[in-house]
Amino acid sequence: MKDLQRVLKKPCLTEKSNLLHEQQETVAFKVDPQANKVEIKKAVEDMFQVKVARVRTTKVLGKKRRVGVKSVGRSNDWKKAYVTLAEGKINFLDEL
């Protein structure tokens, strides 16, 4: 993956991610499923001008959704990255 602008899709703003951000300076992002940890680290450092200490990734399975009475569908699978910051801060709530 060459284009670092497409690696990060959007921040994942949940209660769990807010607690991690306050306690451990860890930020959660929804990322491209083909992106690896090195690309995620480069994208975060370039976009937010911070130093990244660690990147952890996980694949999140899509939930089953009922469409009508008989048929059952599924939402898409996606990938989440937890980025621990060494230096600098990222605050999404001020930008909203």
Protein backbone atom coordinates (compact mmCIF):
# COMPACT_ATOMS: atom_id res chain seq x y z
CA MET A 1 0.00 0.00 0.00
CA LYS A 2 1.67 3.21 -1.17
CA ASP A 3 -0.89 5.94 -0.53
CA LEU A 4 -0.75 6.79 3.18
CA GLN A 5 -3.84 9.03 2.95
CA ARG A 6 -6.04 5.97 2.33
CA VAL A 7 -4.62 3.90 5.20
CA LEU A 8 -6.55 5.73 7.94
CA LYS A 9 -10.28 5.84 7.31
CA LYS A 10 -11.63 7.53 10.45
CA PRO A 11 -11.16 7.62 14.21
CA CYS A 12 -13.03 5.07 16.27
CA LEU A 13 -14.78 7.13 18.97
CA THR A 14 -16.23 4.72 21.53
CA GLU A 15 -16.27 4.56 25.33
CA LYS A 16 -13.45 2.03 25.33
CA SER A 17 -11.28 4.14 23.02
CA ASN A 18 -11.93 7.27 25.12
CA LEU A 19 -10.80 5.45 28.29
CA LEU A 20 -7.66 4.19 26.54
CA HIS A 21 -6.93 7.70 25.29
CA GLU A 22 -7.21 9.20 28.78
CA GLN A 23 -5.29 6.47 30.64
CA GLN A 24 -2.65 5.22 28.19
CA GLU A 25 -2.43 7.84 25.39
CA THR A 26 -3.78 5.27 22.92
CA VAL A 27 -5.93 6.29 19.95
CA ALA A 28 -8.17 3.92 17.95
CA PHE A 29 -8.63 4.19 14.17
CA LYS A 30 -10.63 2.34 11.55
CA VAL A 31 -8.03 1.46 8.91
CA ASP A 32 -7.80 -0.19 5.51
CA PRO A 33 -7.97 -4.01 5.86
CA GLN A 34 -4.83 -4.48 3.71
CA ALA A 35 -2.72 -1.99 5.70
CA ASN A 36 0.06 -3.33 7.93
CA LYS A 37 1.47 -1.88 11.16
CA VAL A 38 4.37 -0.08 9.49
CA GLU A 39 2.06 1.73 7.06
CA ILE A 40 -0.33 2.67 9.86
CA LYS A 41 2.54 4.08 11.94
CA LYS A 42 3.85 6.16 9.01
CA ALA A 43 0.36 7.47 8.21
CA VAL A 44 -0.34 8.58 11.81
CA GLU A 45 3.08 10.23 12.18
CA ASP A 46 2.71 12.10 8.87
CA MET A 47 -0.90 13.24 9.33
CA PHE A 48 -0.78 14.30 13.00
CA GLN A 49 2.95 15.16 13.54
CA VAL A 50 3.31 12.86 16.58
CA LYS A 51 5.68 10.04 17.55
CA VAL A 52 4.15 6.55 17.65
CA ALA A 53 5.43 4.05 20.20
CA ARG A 54 3.32 1.00 19.32
CA VAL A 55 0.62 -0.18 16.92
CA ARG A 56 -1.78 -3.05 17.62
CA THR A 57 -4.33 -4.23 15.05
CA THR A 58 -7.42 -6.39 15.15
CA LYS A 59 -9.97 -7.57 12.61
CA VAL A 60 -13.59 -6.92 13.54
CA LEU A 61 -16.18 -9.26 12.08
CA GLY A 62 -19.37 -7.78 10.64
CA LYS A 63 -22.61 -8.28 12.52
CA LYS A 64 -25.54 -10.29 11.20
CA ARG A 65 -28.41 -8.10 10.08
CA ARG A 66 -31.94 -9.16 9.29
CA VAL A 67 -33.27 -7.92 5.96
CA GLY A 68 -36.99 -8.50 5.92
CA VAL A 69 -38.54 -11.58 7.48
CA LYS A 70 -36.69 -14.46 5.85
CA SER A 71 -33.30 -13.27 4.67
CA VAL A 72 -30.28 -12.52 6.85
CA GLY A 73 -27.40 -10.34 5.68
CA ARG A 74 -24.11 -9.22 7.19
CA SER A 75 -22.33 -5.92 7.55
CA ASN A 76 -18.78 -5.69 6.22
CA ASP A 77 -15.73 -6.86 8.15
CA TRP A 78 -13.28 -4.08 9.05
CA LYS A 79 -9.91 -3.53 10.70
CA LYS A 80 -9.16 -1.49 13.82
CA ALA A 81 -5.77 -0.16 14.92
CA TYR A 82 -4.82 0.93 18.44
CA VAL A 83 -1.97 3.45 18.21
CA THR A 84 0.02 4.24 21.38
CA LEU A 85 1.67 7.65 21.26
CA ALA A 86 5.17 8.35 22.56
CA GLU A 87 5.17 12.12 21.99
CA GLY A 88 2.44 14.57 21.09
CA LYS A 89 -1.33 14.47 21.45
CA ILE A 90 -4.29 13.82 19.19
CA ASN A 91 -7.61 15.24 20.37
CA PHE A 92 -10.62 14.57 18.14
CA LEU A 93 -13.21 16.05 20.48
CA ASP A 94 -11.83 19.60 20.08
CA GLU A 95 -12.13 19.35 16.29
CA LEU A 96 -15.82 18.37 16.31
